[in-house]
């Protein structure tokens, strides 16, 4: 199997997305308070599904040969499934403005 430019680009995009946390990670995004137990598929999975079959097979092989990516994806999905932290409401503030008439 030869690597042409589109194959290299597809592999780069998937690996860069996985490394940057664009897949299941996105833990920086706040989950809604009433989040459903079913999470949407990670962005990396959606990207792989949208690739041509030859590219998808190549990406699947790269992911299969790199156990660190699988570990990072599992860690990211676990952190996304974790319940959000309870936060306090902001302190109430009162103000008064007087105008001279």
PDB file of N, CA and C in Angstrom:
ATOM      1  N   UNK A   1       0.851  -1.173   0.000  1.00  0.00           N
ATOM      2  CA  UNK A   1       0.000   0.000   0.000  1.00  0.00           C
ATOM      3  C   UNK A   1       0.896   1.235   0.000  1.00  0.00           C
ATOM      4  N   UNK A   2       0.676   2.107  -0.924  1.00  0.00           N
ATOM      5  CA  UNK A   2       1.471   3.326  -1.004  1.00  0.00           C
ATOM      6  C   UNK A   2       0.705   4.464  -0.351  1.00  0.00           C
ATOM      7  N   UNK A   3       1.463   5.384   0.184  1.00  0.00           N
ATOM      8  CA  UNK A   3       0.866   6.552   0.812  1.00  0.00           C
ATOM      9  C   UNK A   3       0.860   7.689  -0.190  1.00  0.00           C
ATOM     10  N   UNK A   4      -0.311   8.089  -0.635  1.00  0.00           N
ATOM     11  CA  UNK A   4      -0.386   9.270  -1.473  1.00  0.00           C
ATOM     12  C   UNK A   4      -0.710  10.458  -0.570  1.00  0.00           C
ATOM     13  N   UNK A   5      -0.796  11.629  -1.137  1.00  0.00           N
ATOM     14  CA  UNK A   5      -1.009  12.838  -0.347  1.00  0.00           C
ATOM     15  C   UNK A   5      -2.318  12.802   0.433  1.00  0.00           C
ATOM     16  N   UNK A   6      -3.396  12.298  -0.177  1.00  0.00           N
ATOM     17  CA  UNK A   6      -4.677  12.291   0.532  1.00  0.00           C
ATOM     18  C   UNK A   6      -4.660  11.294   1.683  1.00  0.00           C
ATOM     19  N   UNK A   7      -3.936  10.180   1.537  1.00  0.00           N
ATOM     20  CA  UNK A   7      -3.813   9.213   2.633  1.00  0.00           C
ATOM     21  C   UNK A   7      -3.036   9.820   3.786  1.00  0.00           C
ATOM     22  N   UNK A   8      -1.953  10.484   3.464  1.00  0.00           N
ATOM     23  CA  UNK A   8      -1.160  11.130   4.513  1.00  0.00           C
ATOM     24  C   UNK A   8      -1.970  12.201   5.221  1.00  0.00           C
ATOM     25  N   UNK A   9      -2.725  12.961   4.460  1.00  0.00           N
ATOM     26  CA  UNK A   9      -3.541  14.010   5.052  1.00  0.00           C
ATOM     27  C   UNK A   9      -4.609  13.415   5.955  1.00  0.00           C
ATOM     28  N   UNK A  10      -5.250  12.339   5.523  1.00  0.00           N
ATOM     29  CA  UNK A  10      -6.294  11.709   6.330  1.00  0.00           C
ATOM     30  C   UNK A  10      -5.723  11.178   7.638  1.00  0.00           C
ATOM     31  N   UNK A  11      -4.567  10.525   7.568  1.00  0.00           N
ATOM     32  CA  UNK A  11      -3.932  10.005   8.780  1.00  0.00           C
ATOM     33  C   UNK A  11      -3.527  11.155   9.689  1.00  0.00           C
ATOM     34  N   UNK A  12      -2.970  12.208   9.113  1.00  0.00           N
ATOM     35  CA  UNK A  12      -2.557  13.357   9.918  1.00  0.00           C
ATOM     36  C   UNK A  12      -3.748  13.993  10.622  1.00  0.00           C
ATOM     37  N   UNK A  13      -4.853  14.168   9.913  1.00  0.00           N
ATOM     38  CA  UNK A  13      -6.032  14.808  10.499  1.00  0.00           C
ATOM     39  C   UNK A  13      -6.569  13.979  11.654  1.00  0.00           C
ATOM     40  N   UNK A  14      -6.664  12.674  11.475  1.00  0.00           N
ATOM     41  CA  UNK A  14      -7.193  11.817  12.539  1.00  0.00           C
ATOM     42  C   UNK A  14      -6.260  11.804  13.741  1.00  0.00           C
ATOM     43  N   UNK A  15      -4.959  11.653  13.499  1.00  0.00           N
ATOM     44  CA  UNK A  15      -4.018  11.617  14.614  1.00  0.00           C
ATOM     45  C   UNK A  15      -3.920  12.969  15.311  1.00  0.00           C
ATOM     46  N   UNK A  16      -3.954  14.049  14.551  1.00  0.00           N
ATOM     47  CA  UNK A  16      -3.920  15.372  15.172  1.00  0.00           C
ATOM     48  C   UNK A  16      -5.180  15.607  15.991  1.00  0.00           C
ATOM     49  N   UNK A  17      -6.310  15.180  15.471  1.00  0.00           N
ATOM     50  CA  UNK A  17      -7.551  15.323  16.228  1.00  0.00           C
ATOM     51  C   UNK A  17      -7.528  14.517  17.505  1.00  0.00           C
ATOM     52  N   UNK A  18      -6.993  13.305  17.440  1.00  0.00           N
ATOM     53  CA  UNK A  18      -6.903  12.477  18.643  1.00  0.00           C
ATOM     54  C   UNK A  18      -5.918  13.074  19.636  1.00  0.00           C
ATOM     55  N   UNK A  19      -4.807  13.606  19.138  1.00  0.00           N
ATOM     56  CA  UNK A  19      -3.803  14.177  20.025  1.00  0.00           C
ATOM     57  C   UNK A  19      -4.285  15.467  20.669  1.00  0.00           C
ATOM     58  N   UNK A  20      -5.058  16.249  19.946  1.00  0.00           N
ATOM     59  CA  UNK A  20      -5.535  17.517  20.480  1.00  0.00           C
ATOM     60  C   UNK A  20      -6.808  17.371  21.288  1.00  0.00           C
ATOM     61  N   UNK A  21      -7.345  16.189  21.343  1.00  0.00           N
ATOM     62  CA  UNK A  21      -8.533  15.995  22.143  1.00  0.00           C
ATOM     63  C   UNK A  21      -9.808  16.353  21.444  1.00  0.00           C
ATOM     64  N   UNK A  22      -9.811  16.315  20.135  1.00  0.00           N
ATOM     65  CA  UNK A  22     -11.034  16.633  19.420  1.00  0.00           C
ATOM     66  C   UNK A  22     -11.963  15.438  19.360  1.00  0.00           C
ATOM     67  N   UNK A  23     -11.449  14.310  19.751  1.00  0.00           N
ATOM     68  CA  UNK A  23     -12.272  13.115  19.771  1.00  0.00           C
ATOM     69  C   UNK A  23     -13.165  13.115  20.986  1.00  0.00           C
ATOM     70  N   UNK A  24     -13.132  12.096  21.734  1.00  0.00           N
ATOM     71  CA  UNK A  24     -14.033  11.993  22.860  1.00  0.00           C
ATOM     72  C   UNK A  24     -13.681  12.926  23.987  1.00  0.00           C
ATOM     73  N   UNK A  25     -12.494  13.492  23.935  1.00  0.00           N
ATOM     74  CA  UNK A  25     -12.072  14.298  25.061  1.00  0.00           C
ATOM     75  C   UNK A  25     -13.000  15.479  25.249  1.00  0.00           C
ATOM     76  N   UNK A  26     -12.700  16.559  24.649  1.00  0.00           N
ATOM     77  CA  UNK A  26     -13.496  17.763  24.794  1.00  0.00           C
ATOM     78  C   UNK A  26     -14.055  17.891  26.193  1.00  0.00           C
ATOM     79  N   UNK A  27     -13.274  17.540  27.185  1.00  0.00           N
ATOM     80  CA  UNK A  27     -13.731  17.620  28.564  1.00  0.00           C
ATOM     81  C   UNK A  27     -13.839  19.072  28.999  1.00  0.00           C
ATOM     82  N   UNK A  28     -13.221  19.969  28.236  1.00  0.00           N
ATOM     83  CA  UNK A  28     -13.332  21.373  28.579  1.00  0.00           C
ATOM     84  C   UNK A  28     -14.749  21.874  28.339  1.00  0.00           C
ATOM     85  N   UNK A  29     -15.468  21.205  27.451  1.00  0.00           N
ATOM     86  CA  UNK A  29     -16.836  21.610  27.179  1.00  0.00           C
ATOM     87  C   UNK A  29     -17.716  21.208  28.358  1.00  0.00           C
ATOM     88  N   UNK A  30     -18.549  22.093  28.781  1.00  0.00           N
ATOM     89  CA  UNK A  30     -19.435  21.792  29.897  1.00  0.00           C
ATOM     90  C   UNK A  30     -20.575  20.910  29.420  1.00  0.00           C
ATOM     91  N   UNK A  31     -20.868  19.890  30.194  1.00  0.00           N
ATOM     92  CA  UNK A  31     -22.001  19.040  29.882  1.00  0.00           C
ATOM     93  C   UNK A  31     -23.268  19.710  30.394  1.00  0.00           C
ATOM     94  N   UNK A  32     -24.370  19.580  29.700  1.00  0.00           N
ATOM     95  CA  UNK A  32     -25.605  20.146  30.220  1.00  0.00           C
ATOM     96  C   UNK A  32     -26.012  19.438  31.506  1.00  0.00           C
ATOM     97  N   UNK A  33     -26.745  20.148  32.354  1.00  0.00           N
ATOM     98  CA  UNK A  33     -27.137  19.592  33.648  1.00  0.00           C
ATOM     99  C   UNK A  33     -27.998  18.352  33.486  1.00  0.00           C
ATOM    100  N   UNK A  34     -28.779  18.293  32.431  1.00  0.00           N
ATOM    101  CA  UNK A  34     -29.642  17.138  32.212  1.00  0.00           C
ATOM    102  C   UNK A  34     -29.096  16.306  31.064  1.00  0.00           C
ATOM    103  N   UNK A  35     -27.826  15.941  31.148  1.00  0.00           N
ATOM    104  CA  UNK A  35     -27.223  15.172  30.063  1.00  0.00           C
ATOM    105  C   UNK A  35     -27.763  13.753  30.064  1.00  0.00           C
ATOM    106  N   UNK A  36     -27.977  13.239  28.879  1.00  0.00           N
ATOM    107  CA  UNK A  36     -28.485  11.883  28.762  1.00  0.00           C
ATOM    108  C   UNK A  36     -27.335  10.908  28.969  1.00  0.00           C
ATOM    109  N   UNK A  37     -27.630   9.689  29.407  1.00  0.00           N
ATOM    110  CA  UNK A  37     -26.552   8.733  29.618  1.00  0.00           C
ATOM    111  C   UNK A  37     -25.879   8.319  28.313  1.00  0.00           C
ATOM    112  N   UNK A  38     -26.562   8.483  27.195  1.00  0.00           N
ATOM    113  CA  UNK A  38     -26.011   8.117  25.886  1.00  0.00           C
ATOM    114  C   UNK A  38     -25.233   9.303  25.331  1.00  0.00           C
ATOM    115  N   UNK A  39     -23.924   9.148  25.182  1.00  0.00           N
ATOM    116  CA  UNK A  39     -23.099  10.219  24.637  1.00  0.00           C
ATOM    117  C   UNK A  39     -22.992  10.052  23.127  1.00  0.00           C
ATOM    118  N   UNK A  40     -22.881  11.150  22.384  1.00  0.00           N
ATOM    119  CA  UNK A  40     -22.717  11.028  20.932  1.00  0.00           C
ATOM    120  C   UNK A  40     -21.366  10.395  20.625  1.00  0.00           C
ATOM    121  N   UNK A  41     -21.223   9.803  19.442  1.00  0.00           N
ATOM    122  CA  UNK A  41     -19.935   9.203  19.106  1.00  0.00           C
ATOM    123  C   UNK A  41     -18.851  10.272  19.057  1.00  0.00           C
ATOM    124  N   UNK A  42     -17.643   9.921  19.451  1.00  0.00           N
ATOM    125  CA  UNK A  42     -16.549  10.894  19.432  1.00  0.00           C
ATOM    126  C   UNK A  42     -16.304  11.421  18.021  1.00  0.00           C
ATOM    127  N   UNK A  43     -15.742  12.610  17.964  1.00  0.00           N
ATOM    128  CA  UNK A  43     -15.483  13.251  16.669  1.00  0.00           C
ATOM    129  C   UNK A  43     -14.531  12.418  15.821  1.00  0.00           C
ATOM    130  N   UNK A  44     -13.547  11.779  16.445  1.00  0.00           N
ATOM    131  CA  UNK A  44     -12.611  10.949  15.676  1.00  0.00           C
ATOM    132  C   UNK A  44     -13.336   9.782  15.029  1.00  0.00           C
ATOM    133  N   UNK A  45     -14.301   9.180  15.744  1.00  0.00           N
ATOM    134  CA  UNK A  45     -15.070   8.076  15.164  1.00  0.00           C
ATOM    135  C   UNK A  45     -15.925   8.564  13.999  1.00  0.00           C
ATOM    136  N   UNK A  46     -16.514   9.746  14.146  1.00  0.00           N
ATOM    137  CA  UNK A  46     -17.318  10.296  13.047  1.00  0.00           C
ATOM    138  C   UNK A  46     -16.441  10.601  11.840  1.00  0.00           C
ATOM    139  N   UNK A  47     -15.219  11.086  12.092  1.00  0.00           N
ATOM    140  CA  UNK A  47     -14.297  11.385  10.998  1.00  0.00           C
ATOM    141  C   UNK A  47     -13.879  10.104  10.286  1.00  0.00           C
ATOM    142  N   UNK A  48     -13.566   9.072  11.038  1.00  0.00           N
ATOM    143  CA  UNK A  48     -13.168   7.797  10.433  1.00  0.00           C
ATOM    144  C   UNK A  48     -14.307   7.227   9.607  1.00  0.00           C
ATOM    145  N   UNK A  49     -15.536   7.341  10.114  1.00  0.00           N
ATOM    146  CA  UNK A  49     -16.687   6.812   9.387  1.00  0.00           C
ATOM    147  C   UNK A  49     -16.919   7.570   8.081  1.00  0.00           C
ATOM    148  N   UNK A  50     -16.510   8.841   8.025  1.00  0.00           N
ATOM    149  CA  UNK A  50     -16.747   9.634   6.819  1.00  0.00           C
ATOM    150  C   UNK A  50     -15.647   9.456   5.765  1.00  0.00           C
ATOM    151  N   UNK A  51     -14.565   8.765   6.097  1.00  0.00           N
ATOM    152  CA  UNK A  51     -13.468   8.583   5.144  1.00  0.00           C
ATOM    153  C   UNK A  51     -13.809   7.528   4.106  1.00  0.00           C
ATOM    154  N   UNK A  52     -13.075   7.574   3.008  1.00  0.00           N
ATOM    155  CA  UNK A  52     -13.204   6.535   1.992  1.00  0.00           C
ATOM    156  C   UNK A  52     -12.720   5.218   2.598  1.00  0.00           C
ATOM    157  N   UNK A  53     -13.189   4.070   2.083  1.00  0.00           N
ATOM    158  CA  UNK A  53     -12.813   2.781   2.677  1.00  0.00           C
ATOM    159  C   UNK A  53     -11.302   2.550   2.757  1.00  0.00           C
ATOM    160  N   UNK A  54     -10.558   2.959   1.744  1.00  0.00           N
ATOM    161  CA  UNK A  54      -9.104   2.755   1.783  1.00  0.00           C
ATOM    162  C   UNK A  54      -8.471   3.584   2.890  1.00  0.00           C
ATOM    163  N   UNK A  55      -8.927   4.814   3.042  1.00  0.00           N
ATOM    164  CA  UNK A  55      -8.389   5.677   4.090  1.00  0.00           C
ATOM    165  C   UNK A  55      -8.828   5.187   5.462  1.00  0.00           C
ATOM    166  N   UNK A  56     -10.074   4.741   5.568  1.00  0.00           N
ATOM    167  CA  UNK A  56     -10.568   4.250   6.852  1.00  0.00           C
ATOM    168  C   UNK A  56      -9.777   3.025   7.297  1.00  0.00           C
ATOM    169  N   UNK A  57      -9.438   2.145   6.364  1.00  0.00           N
ATOM    170  CA  UNK A  57      -8.641   0.964   6.710  1.00  0.00           C
ATOM    171  C   UNK A  57      -7.244   1.375   7.166  1.00  0.00           C
ATOM    172  N   UNK A  58      -6.672   2.361   6.505  1.00  0.00           N
ATOM    173  CA  UNK A  58      -5.347   2.848   6.873  1.00  0.00           C
ATOM    174  C   UNK A  58      -5.373   3.476   8.264  1.00  0.00           C
ATOM    175  N   UNK A  59      -6.366   4.297   8.533  1.00  0.00           N
ATOM    176  CA  UNK A  59      -6.487   4.939   9.839  1.00  0.00           C
ATOM    177  C   UNK A  59      -6.734   3.890  10.919  1.00  0.00           C
ATOM    178  N   UNK A  60      -7.584   2.904  10.631  1.00  0.00           N
ATOM    179  CA  UNK A  60      -7.846   1.845  11.605  1.00  0.00           C
ATOM    180  C   UNK A  60      -6.568   1.078  11.925  1.00  0.00           C
ATOM    181  N   UNK A  61      -5.738   0.841  10.916  1.00  0.00           N
ATOM    182  CA  UNK A  61      -4.475   0.135  11.151  1.00  0.00           C
ATOM    183  C   UNK A  61      -3.531   0.978  12.003  1.00  0.00           C
ATOM    184  N   UNK A  62      -3.474   2.276  11.738  1.00  0.00           N
ATOM    185  CA  UNK A  62      -2.618   3.163  12.537  1.00  0.00           C
ATOM    186  C   UNK A  62      -3.091   3.176  13.985  1.00  0.00           C
ATOM    187  N   UNK A  63      -4.394   3.283  14.199  1.00  0.00           N
ATOM    188  CA  UNK A  63      -4.924   3.291  15.559  1.00  0.00           C
ATOM    189  C   UNK A  63      -4.693   1.950  16.250  1.00  0.00           C
ATOM    190  N   UNK A  64      -4.755   0.873  15.483  1.00  0.00           N
ATOM    191  CA  UNK A  64      -4.546  -0.467  16.034  1.00  0.00           C
ATOM    192  C   UNK A  64      -3.100  -0.657  16.483  1.00  0.00           C
ATOM    193  N   UNK A  65      -2.170  -0.078  15.751  1.00  0.00           N
ATOM    194  CA  UNK A  65      -0.748  -0.255  16.059  1.00  0.00           C
ATOM    195  C   UNK A  65      -0.243   0.718  17.118  1.00  0.00           C
ATOM    196  N   UNK A  66      -1.046   1.665  17.527  1.00  0.00           N
ATOM    197  CA  UNK A  66      -0.613   2.656  18.501  1.00  0.00           C
ATOM    198  C   UNK A  66      -1.470   2.539  19.759  1.00  0.00           C
ATOM    199  N   UNK A  67      -1.024   1.781  20.752  1.00  0.00           N
ATOM    200  CA  UNK A  67      -1.832   1.589  21.959  1.00  0.00           C
ATOM    201  C   UNK A  67      -1.991   2.865  22.786  1.00  0.00           C
ATOM    202  N   UNK A  68      -1.079   3.819  22.636  1.00  0.00           N
ATOM    203  CA  UNK A  68      -1.217   5.068  23.388  1.00  0.00           C
ATOM    204  C   UNK A  68      -2.473   5.831  22.971  1.00  0.00           C
ATOM    205  N   UNK A  69      -2.803   5.795  21.671  1.00  0.00           N
ATOM    206  CA  UNK A  69      -4.017   6.473  21.219  1.00  0.00           C
ATOM    207  C   UNK A  69      -5.255   5.821  21.811  1.00  0.00           C
ATOM    208  N   UNK A  70      -5.261   4.494  21.883  1.00  0.00           N
ATOM    209  CA  UNK A  70      -6.404   3.801  22.483  1.00  0.00           C
ATOM    210  C   UNK A  70      -6.526   4.153  23.961  1.00  0.00           C
ATOM    211  N   UNK A  71      -5.395   4.255  24.647  1.00  0.00           N
ATOM    212  CA  UNK A  71      -5.414   4.615  26.064  1.00  0.00           C
ATOM    213  C   UNK A  71      -5.930   6.045  26.250  1.00  0.00           C
ATOM    214  N   UNK A  72      -5.474   6.957  25.394  1.00  0.00           N
ATOM    215  CA  UNK A  72      -5.928   8.342  25.493  1.00  0.00           C
ATOM    216  C   UNK A  72      -7.417   8.472  25.187  1.00  0.00           C
ATOM    217  N   UNK A  73      -7.890   7.709  24.207  1.00  0.00           N
ATOM    218  CA  UNK A  73      -9.318   7.751  23.875  1.00  0.00           C
ATOM    219  C   UNK A  73     -10.148   7.209  25.030  1.00  0.00           C
ATOM    220  N   UNK A  74      -9.683   6.124  25.673  1.00  0.00           N
ATOM    221  CA  UNK A  74     -10.411   5.566  26.813  1.00  0.00           C
ATOM    222  C   UNK A  74     -10.413   6.550  27.978  1.00  0.00           C
ATOM    223  N   UNK A  75      -9.292   7.192  28.217  1.00  0.00           N
ATOM    224  CA  UNK A  75      -9.206   8.186  29.282  1.00  0.00           C
ATOM    225  C   UNK A  75     -10.132   9.368  29.002  1.00  0.00           C
ATOM    226  N   UNK A  76     -10.170   9.794  27.753  1.00  0.00           N
ATOM    227  CA  UNK A  76     -11.027  10.919  27.379  1.00  0.00           C
ATOM    228  C   UNK A  76     -12.498  10.569  27.519  1.00  0.00           C
ATOM    229  N   UNK A  77     -12.890   9.384  27.088  1.00  0.00           N
ATOM    230  CA  UNK A  77     -14.307   9.018  27.205  1.00  0.00           C
ATOM    231  C   UNK A  77     -14.697   8.845  28.663  1.00  0.00           C
ATOM    232  N   UNK A  78     -13.772   8.373  29.501  1.00  0.00           N
ATOM    233  CA  UNK A  78     -14.068   8.247  30.929  1.00  0.00           C
ATOM    234  C   UNK A  78     -14.240   9.623  31.565  1.00  0.00           C
ATOM    235  N   UNK A  79     -13.412  10.576  31.176  1.00  0.00           N
ATOM    236  CA  UNK A  79     -13.547  11.915  31.753  1.00  0.00           C
ATOM    237  C   UNK A  79     -14.799  12.621  31.242  1.00  0.00           C
ATOM    238  N   UNK A  80     -15.207  12.327  30.013  1.00  0.00           N
ATOM    239  CA  UNK A  80     -16.434  12.930  29.486  1.00  0.00           C
ATOM    240  C   UNK A  80     -17.666  12.341  30.152  1.00  0.00           C
ATOM    241  N   UNK A  81     -17.579  11.078  30.558  1.00  0.00           N
ATOM    242  CA  UNK A  81     -18.724  10.425  31.199  1.00  0.00           C
ATOM    243  C   UNK A  81     -18.825  10.767  32.679  1.00  0.00           C
ATOM    244  N   UNK A  82     -17.788  11.341  33.247  1.00  0.00           N
ATOM    245  CA  UNK A  82     -17.789  11.695  34.659  1.00  0.00           C
ATOM    246  C   UNK A  82     -18.802  12.814  34.912  1.00  0.00           C
ATOM    247  N   UNK A  83     -19.442  12.754  36.062  1.00  0.00           N
ATOM    248  CA  UNK A  83     -20.437  13.772  36.414  1.00  0.00           C
ATOM    249  C   UNK A  83     -19.748  15.124  36.589  1.00  0.00           C
ATOM    250  N   UNK A  84     -20.399  16.194  36.152  1.00  0.00           N
ATOM    251  CA  UNK A  84     -19.790  17.520  36.321  1.00  0.00           C
ATOM    252  C   UNK A  84     -19.713  17.896  37.797  1.00  0.00           C
ATOM    253  N   UNK A  85     -18.735  18.708  38.132  1.00  0.00           N
ATOM    254  CA  UNK A  85     -18.551  19.140  39.511  1.00  0.00           C
ATOM    255  C   UNK A  85     -19.660  20.106  39.912  1.00  0.00           C
ATOM    256  N   UNK A  86     -20.017  20.044  41.176  1.00  0.00           N
ATOM    257  CA  UNK A  86     -21.021  20.969  41.704  1.00  0.00           C
ATOM    258  C   UNK A  86     -20.329  22.302  41.940  1.00  0.00           C
ATOM    259  N   UNK A  87     -20.976  23.352  41.529  1.00  0.00           N
ATOM    260  CA  UNK A  87     -20.397  24.680  41.686  1.00  0.00           C
ATOM    261  C   UNK A  87     -21.357  25.556  42.475  1.00  0.00           C
ATOM    262  N   UNK A  88     -20.814  26.540  43.120  1.00  0.00           N
ATOM    263  CA  UNK A  88     -21.637  27.489  43.861  1.00  0.00           C
ATOM    264  C   UNK A  88     -22.081  28.604  42.927  1.00  0.00           C
ATOM    265  N   UNK A  89     -23.220  29.167  43.234  1.00  0.00           N
ATOM    266  CA  UNK A  89     -23.687  30.319  42.475  1.00  0.00           C
ATOM    267  C   UNK A  89     -22.813  31.516  42.805  1.00  0.00           C
ATOM    268  N   UNK A  90     -22.721  32.479  41.923  1.00  0.00           N
ATOM    269  CA  UNK A  90     -21.924  33.662  42.230  1.00  0.00           C
ATOM    270  C   UNK A  90     -22.514  34.409  43.426  1.00  0.00           C
ATOM    271  N   UNK A  91     -21.640  35.085  44.155  1.00  0.00           N
ATOM    272  CA  UNK A  91     -22.096  35.839  45.317  1.00  0.00           C
ATOM    273  C   UNK A  91     -23.050  36.939  44.874  1.00  0.00           C
ATOM    274  N   UNK A  92     -24.169  37.081  45.601  1.00  0.00           N
ATOM    275  CA  UNK A  92     -25.107  38.149  45.240  1.00  0.00           C
ATOM    276  C   UNK A  92     -24.500  39.518  45.550  1.00  0.00           C
ATOM    277  N   UNK A  93     -24.809  40.467  44.712  1.00  0.00           N
ATOM    278  CA  UNK A  93     -24.300  41.819  44.911  1.00  0.00           C
ATOM    279  C   UNK A  93     -25.468  42.791  44.777  1.00  0.00           C
ATOM    280  N   UNK A  94     -25.457  43.802  45.601  1.00  0.00           N
ATOM    281  CA  UNK A  94     -26.485  44.838  45.526  1.00  0.00           C
ATOM    282  C   UNK A  94     -25.793  46.168  45.237  1.00  0.00           C
ATOM    283  N   UNK A  95     -26.473  47.005  44.485  1.00  0.00           N
ATOM    284  CA  UNK A  95     -25.909  48.319  44.211  1.00  0.00           C
ATOM    285  C   UNK A  95     -27.028  49.351  44.258  1.00  0.00           C
ATOM    286  N   UNK A  96     -26.660  50.555  44.533  1.00  0.00           N
ATOM    287  CA  UNK A  96     -27.616  51.653  44.610  1.00  0.00           C
ATOM    288  C   UNK A  96     -27.010  52.836  43.874  1.00  0.00           C
ATOM    289  N   UNK A  97     -27.799  53.423  43.012  1.00  0.00           N
ATOM    290  CA  UNK A  97     -27.351  54.588  42.275  1.00  0.00           C
ATOM    291  C   UNK A  97     -28.341  55.715  42.536  1.00  0.00           C
ATOM    292  N   UNK A  98     -27.845  56.851  42.990  1.00  0.00           N
ATOM    293  CA  UNK A  98     -28.697  58.007  43.253  1.00  0.00           C
ATOM    294  C   UNK A  98     -28.360  59.100  42.239  1.00  0.00           C
ATOM    295  N   UNK A  99     -29.393  59.648  41.651  1.00  0.00           N
ATOM    296  CA  UNK A  99     -29.220  60.720  40.680  1.00  0.00           C
ATOM    297  C   UNK A  99     -29.801  62.007  41.252  1.00  0.00           C
ATOM    298  N   UNK A 100     -29.116  63.101  41.102  1.00  0.00           N
ATOM    299  CA  UNK A 100     -29.614  64.397  41.551  1.00  0.00           C
ATOM    300  C   UNK A 100     -30.568  64.936  40.488  1.00  0.00           C
ATOM    301  N   UNK A 101     -31.768  65.262  40.898  1.00  0.00           N
ATOM    302  CA  UNK A 101     -32.753  65.780  39.946  1.00  0.00           C
ATOM    303  C   UNK A 101     -32.860  67.249  39.993  1.00  0.00           C
TER     304      UNK A 101
END
